[in-house]
Amino acid sequence: MSGRWFEAFAAGQVFHTPSRTITSEDVAAFARLTGDDNPVHRSDTAATDTPLGGPIVHGALTTSVAMGLVAALGLSRGTLVALLSQQFTFCHPVRHGDTVQAVVKVLETRSTRHPDRGIVRYALEVTNQDNTTVLLGEWTSMMRREPPSGCKQQGSQA
């Protein structure tokens, strides 16, 4: 188990993700995967005629990359029970070749009626290489509590 138990989270904790560059190849692969081939994402000619002035990365690709960067931190690896909610606000276009990174802040933790789990609410800020905020978000996860001392994990042998 490499993730954090519910008890290891506290309001105010801050975590910094690694960075990642979103390439034109990433955008093309995402368009193929999802079927979203809107020219605003891939065509210099079509996108230049928009108020955005050029191709932009899909919003869903940006959120997926951001959450992948968060996953790379390993905070919930093996301890996540469920993702309960997500909400994102797009603040600035992400362009092909932009490098993004994220800062995660724990907003609150609370117990549930189940003694083996708790709820953690997080805030997310994603910035590009110019330190411009491109995405803000919040999500709520249900996390496992650390088993009481002396208890075996399910599936472990005595």
C-alpha atoms as a PDB file:
ATOM      1  CA  MET A   1       0.000   0.000   0.000  1.00  0.00           C
ATOM      2  CA  SER A   2       1.644   3.237  -1.042  1.00  0.00           C
ATOM      3  CA  GLY A   3      -1.209   5.718  -0.705  1.00  0.00           C
ATOM      4  CA  ARG A   4      -2.194   7.711   2.345  1.00  0.00           C
ATOM      5  CA  TRP A   5      -4.840   6.564   4.741  1.00  0.00           C
ATOM      6  CA  PHE A   6      -7.680   8.979   5.512  1.00  0.00           C
ATOM      7  CA  GLU A   7      -6.033   9.867   8.838  1.00  0.00           C
ATOM      8  CA  ALA A   8      -2.925  11.171   7.044  1.00  0.00           C
ATOM      9  CA  PHE A   9      -4.865  14.008   5.389  1.00  0.00           C
ATOM     10  CA  ALA A  10      -5.444  17.341   7.140  1.00  0.00           C
ATOM     11  CA  ALA A  11      -7.016  20.591   5.980  1.00  0.00           C
ATOM     12  CA  GLY A  12      -4.361  22.957   4.684  1.00  0.00           C
ATOM     13  CA  GLN A  13      -1.915  20.337   3.399  1.00  0.00           C
ATOM     14  CA  VAL A  14      -0.440  21.255   0.002  1.00  0.00           C
ATOM     15  CA  PHE A  15       1.057  18.931  -2.610  1.00  0.00           C
ATOM     16  CA  HIS A  16       2.902  19.890  -5.811  1.00  0.00           C
ATOM     17  CA  THR A  17       2.722  17.611  -8.843  1.00  0.00           C
ATOM     18  CA  PRO A  18       5.395  17.044 -11.449  1.00  0.00           C
ATOM     19  CA  SER A  19       4.942  18.909 -14.737  1.00  0.00           C
ATOM     20  CA  ARG A  20       3.989  17.590 -18.169  1.00  0.00           C
ATOM     21  CA  THR A  21       4.080  19.064 -21.660  1.00  0.00           C
ATOM     22  CA  ILE A  22       0.923  18.501 -23.708  1.00  0.00           C
ATOM     23  CA  THR A  23       2.003  17.855 -27.291  1.00  0.00           C
ATOM     24  CA  SER A  24       0.200  18.046 -30.625  1.00  0.00           C
ATOM     25  CA  GLU A  25       0.476  14.249 -30.687  1.00  0.00           C
ATOM     26  CA  ASP A  26      -1.389  14.092 -27.358  1.00  0.00           C
ATOM     27  CA  VAL A  27      -4.154  16.270 -28.813  1.00  0.00           C
ATOM     28  CA  ALA A  28      -4.404  14.102 -31.948  1.00  0.00           C
ATOM     29  CA  ALA A  29      -4.542  10.895 -29.879  1.00  0.00           C
ATOM     30  CA  PHE A  30      -7.223  12.378 -27.607  1.00  0.00           C
ATOM     31  CA  ALA A  31      -9.281  13.439 -30.646  1.00  0.00           C
ATOM     32  CA  ARG A  32      -9.055   9.899 -32.063  1.00  0.00           C
ATOM     33  CA  LEU A  33      -9.916   8.317 -28.718  1.00  0.00           C
ATOM     34  CA  THR A  34     -12.941  10.514 -27.995  1.00  0.00           C
ATOM     35  CA  GLY A  35     -14.116  11.349 -31.511  1.00  0.00           C
ATOM     36  CA  ASP A  36     -13.874  15.078 -30.697  1.00  0.00           C
ATOM     37  CA  ASP A  37     -12.205  16.287 -33.863  1.00  0.00           C
ATOM     38  CA  ASN A  38     -13.389  19.896 -33.653  1.00  0.00           C
ATOM     39  CA  PRO A  39     -10.962  21.909 -35.821  1.00  0.00           C
ATOM     40  CA  VAL A  40     -10.431  24.426 -32.987  1.00  0.00           C
ATOM     41  CA  HIS A  41      -8.196  21.771 -31.430  1.00  0.00           C
ATOM     42  CA  ARG A  42      -6.148  20.699 -34.454  1.00  0.00           C
ATOM     43  CA  SER A  43      -6.406  23.094 -37.409  1.00  0.00           C
ATOM     44  CA  ASP A  44      -4.243  26.220 -37.481  1.00  0.00           C
ATOM     45  CA  THR A  45      -6.422  27.664 -40.240  1.00  0.00           C
ATOM     46  CA  ALA A  46      -9.796  27.048 -38.587  1.00  0.00           C
ATOM     47  CA  ALA A  47      -8.648  27.923 -35.076  1.00  0.00           C
ATOM     48  CA  THR A  48      -6.956  31.172 -36.110  1.00  0.00           C
ATOM     49  CA  ASP A  49     -10.358  32.542 -37.130  1.00  0.00           C
ATOM     50  CA  THR A  50     -11.735  32.093 -33.594  1.00  0.00           C
ATOM     51  CA  PRO A  51     -11.462  34.525 -30.671  1.00  0.00           C
ATOM     52  CA  LEU A  52      -8.831  32.149 -29.236  1.00  0.00           C
ATOM     53  CA  GLY A  53      -6.483  32.901 -32.134  1.00  0.00           C
ATOM     54  CA  GLY A  54      -5.136  29.385 -32.625  1.00  0.00           C
ATOM     55  CA  PRO A  55      -5.533  25.719 -31.723  1.00  0.00           C
ATOM     56  CA  ILE A  56      -6.258  24.886 -28.084  1.00  0.00           C
ATOM     57  CA  VAL A  57      -6.050  21.659 -26.120  1.00  0.00           C
ATOM     58  CA  HIS A  58      -9.360  19.929 -25.370  1.00  0.00           C
ATOM     59  CA  GLY A  59     -10.637  20.919 -21.937  1.00  0.00           C
ATOM     60  CA  ALA A  60     -11.240  17.272 -21.074  1.00  0.00           C
ATOM     61  CA  LEU A  61      -7.647  16.451 -22.045  1.00  0.00           C
ATOM     62  CA  THR A  62      -6.406  19.222 -19.768  1.00  0.00           C
ATOM     63  CA  THR A  63      -8.443  17.893 -16.835  1.00  0.00           C
ATOM     64  CA  SER A  64      -7.310  14.335 -17.570  1.00  0.00           C
ATOM     65  CA  VAL A  65      -3.647  15.341 -17.653  1.00  0.00           C
ATOM     66  CA  ALA A  66      -4.098  17.327 -14.425  1.00  0.00           C
ATOM     67  CA  MET A  67      -5.692  14.399 -12.622  1.00  0.00           C
ATOM     68  CA  GLY A  68      -2.979  12.113 -13.997  1.00  0.00           C
ATOM     69  CA  LEU A  69      -0.364  14.417 -12.492  1.00  0.00           C
ATOM     70  CA  VAL A  70      -2.220  14.223  -9.187  1.00  0.00           C
ATOM     71  CA  ALA A  71      -2.338  10.421  -9.479  1.00  0.00           C
ATOM     72  CA  ALA A  72       1.441  10.426  -9.995  1.00  0.00           C
ATOM     73  CA  LEU A  73       1.766  11.747  -6.432  1.00  0.00           C
ATOM     74  CA  GLY A  74       0.443   8.392  -5.219  1.00  0.00           C
ATOM     75  CA  LEU A  75      -1.707   9.958  -2.505  1.00  0.00           C
ATOM     76  CA  SER A  76      -4.635   7.603  -3.029  1.00  0.00           C
ATOM     77  CA  ARG A  77      -2.930   4.565  -4.564  1.00  0.00           C
ATOM     78  CA  GLY A  78      -4.564   1.601  -2.866  1.00  0.00           C
ATOM     79  CA  THR A  79      -6.497   3.740  -0.385  1.00  0.00           C
ATOM     80  CA  LEU A  80      -9.131   5.366  -2.619  1.00  0.00           C
ATOM     81  CA  VAL A  81     -12.609   3.928  -2.137  1.00  0.00           C
ATOM     82  CA  ALA A  82     -14.462   6.189  -4.590  1.00  0.00           C
ATOM     83  CA  LEU A  83     -14.354   9.499  -6.396  1.00  0.00           C
ATOM     84  CA  LEU A  84     -17.549  11.223  -5.257  1.00  0.00           C
ATOM     85  CA  SER A  85     -17.532  14.471  -7.237  1.00  0.00           C
ATOM     86  CA  GLN A  86     -15.438  16.680  -9.517  1.00  0.00           C
ATOM     87  CA  GLN A  87     -15.877  20.256 -10.704  1.00  0.00           C
ATOM     88  CA  PHE A  88     -13.594  22.276 -13.001  1.00  0.00           C
ATOM     89  CA  THR A  89     -13.397  25.863 -14.240  1.00  0.00           C
ATOM     90  CA  PHE A  90     -11.340  26.661 -17.330  1.00  0.00           C
ATOM     91  CA  CYS A  91      -9.484  29.926 -16.752  1.00  0.00           C
ATOM     92  CA  HIS A  92      -7.127  30.250 -19.735  1.00  0.00           C
ATOM     93  CA  PRO A  93      -6.642  28.273 -22.957  1.00  0.00           C
ATOM     94  CA  VAL A  94      -4.006  25.550 -22.955  1.00  0.00           C
ATOM     95  CA  ARG A  95      -2.035  25.455 -26.206  1.00  0.00           C
ATOM     96  CA  HIS A  96      -0.163  22.657 -27.914  1.00  0.00           C
ATOM     97  CA  GLY A  97       3.299  22.556 -26.332  1.00  0.00           C
ATOM     98  CA  ASP A  98       2.242  24.096 -23.011  1.00  0.00           C
ATOM     99  CA  THR A  99       3.750  22.561 -19.901  1.00  0.00           C
ATOM    100  CA  VAL A 100       1.335  22.239 -17.002  1.00  0.00           C
ATOM    101  CA  GLN A 101       1.686  21.385 -13.341  1.00  0.00           C
ATOM    102  CA  ALA A 102      -0.726  21.373 -10.441  1.00  0.00           C
ATOM    103  CA  VAL A 103      -0.966  22.313  -6.807  1.00  0.00           C
ATOM    104  CA  VAL A 104      -3.382  20.312  -4.671  1.00  0.00           C
ATOM    105  CA  LYS A 105      -4.681  21.599  -1.351  1.00  0.00           C
ATOM    106  CA  VAL A 106      -6.698  19.598   1.153  1.00  0.00           C
ATOM    107  CA  LEU A 107      -9.771  21.695   1.973  1.00  0.00           C
ATOM    108  CA  GLU A 108     -11.423  19.468   4.551  1.00  0.00           C
ATOM    109  CA  THR A 109     -11.653  15.985   5.957  1.00  0.00           C
ATOM    110  CA  ARG A 110     -14.652  14.442   7.647  1.00  0.00           C
ATOM    111  CA  SER A 111     -15.716  11.125   9.041  1.00  0.00           C
ATOM    112  CA  THR A 112     -18.537   9.042   7.645  1.00  0.00           C
ATOM    113  CA  ARG A 113     -20.962   6.706   9.348  1.00  0.00           C
ATOM    114  CA  HIS A 114     -18.687   3.881   8.181  1.00  0.00           C
ATOM    115  CA  PRO A 115     -15.777   3.384  10.580  1.00  0.00           C
ATOM    116  CA  ASP A 116     -13.458   2.138   7.817  1.00  0.00           C
ATOM    117  CA  ARG A 117     -13.520   5.270   5.628  1.00  0.00           C
ATOM    118  CA  GLY A 118     -13.629   9.057   5.522  1.00  0.00           C
ATOM    119  CA  ILE A 119     -14.173  11.921   3.078  1.00  0.00           C
ATOM    120  CA  VAL A 120     -11.452  14.260   1.777  1.00  0.00           C
ATOM    121  CA  ARG A 121     -12.221  17.392  -0.257  1.00  0.00           C
ATOM    122  CA  TYR A 122      -9.435  18.912  -2.367  1.00  0.00           C
ATOM    123  CA  ALA A 123      -8.798  22.074  -4.396  1.00  0.00           C
ATOM    124  CA  LEU A 124      -6.704  22.042  -7.556  1.00  0.00           C
ATOM    125  CA  GLU A 125      -4.890  24.828  -9.388  1.00  0.00           C
ATOM    126  CA  VAL A 126      -3.201  24.041 -12.696  1.00  0.00           C
ATOM    127  CA  THR A 127      -0.716  26.515 -14.161  1.00  0.00           C
ATOM    128  CA  ASN A 128       1.238  26.631 -17.399  1.00  0.00           C
ATOM    129  CA  GLN A 129       4.914  27.361 -18.013  1.00  0.00           C
ATOM    130  CA  ASP A 130       4.235  31.106 -17.632  1.00  0.00           C
ATOM    131  CA  ASN A 131       2.635  30.502 -14.212  1.00  0.00           C
ATOM    132  CA  THR A 132      -0.763  31.457 -15.664  1.00  0.00           C
ATOM    133  CA  THR A 133      -3.667  29.641 -14.026  1.00  0.00           C
ATOM    134  CA  VAL A 134      -5.349  27.552 -16.717  1.00  0.00           C
ATOM    135  CA  LEU A 135      -7.663  25.372 -14.632  1.00  0.00           C
ATOM    136  CA  LEU A 136      -9.234  25.436 -11.178  1.00  0.00           C
ATOM    137  CA  GLY A 137     -11.042  22.508  -9.672  1.00  0.00           C
ATOM    138  CA  GLU A 138     -12.359  20.706  -6.656  1.00  0.00           C
ATOM    139  CA  TRP A 139     -13.031  17.073  -6.040  1.00  0.00           C
ATOM    140  CA  THR A 140     -14.183  14.892  -3.203  1.00  0.00           C
ATOM    141  CA  SER A 141     -12.937  11.373  -2.523  1.00  0.00           C
ATOM    142  CA  MET A 142     -13.843   8.648  -0.098  1.00  0.00           C
ATOM    143  CA  MET A 143     -10.656   7.240   1.425  1.00  0.00           C
ATOM    144  CA  ARG A 144      -9.913   4.140   3.461  1.00  0.00           C
ATOM    145  CA  ARG A 145      -9.024   4.526   7.127  1.00  0.00           C
ATOM    146  CA  GLU A 146      -6.011   2.744   8.491  1.00  0.00           C
ATOM    147  CA  PRO A 147      -7.102  -0.624   9.889  1.00  0.00           C
ATOM    148  CA  PRO A 148      -6.820  -0.971  13.659  1.00  0.00           C
ATOM    149  CA  SER A 149      -3.529  -2.393  14.854  1.00  0.00           C
ATOM    150  CA  GLY A 150      -3.521  -6.177  14.782  1.00  0.00           C
ATOM    151  CA  CYS A 151      -6.158  -6.449  12.050  1.00  0.00           C
ATOM    152  CA  LYS A 152      -5.219  -8.245   8.846  1.00  0.00           C
ATOM    153  CA  GLN A 153      -5.916  -6.799   5.413  1.00  0.00           C
ATOM    154  CA  GLN A 154      -8.602  -8.641   3.488  1.00  0.00           C
ATOM    155  CA  GLY A 155      -6.925 -11.404   1.520  1.00  0.00           C
ATOM    156  CA  SER A 156      -3.820 -11.521   3.724  1.00  0.00           C
ATOM    157  CA  GLN A 157      -2.807 -14.787   5.309  1.00  0.00           C
ATOM    158  CA  ALA A 158      -2.614 -15.351   9.048  1.00  0.00           C
END
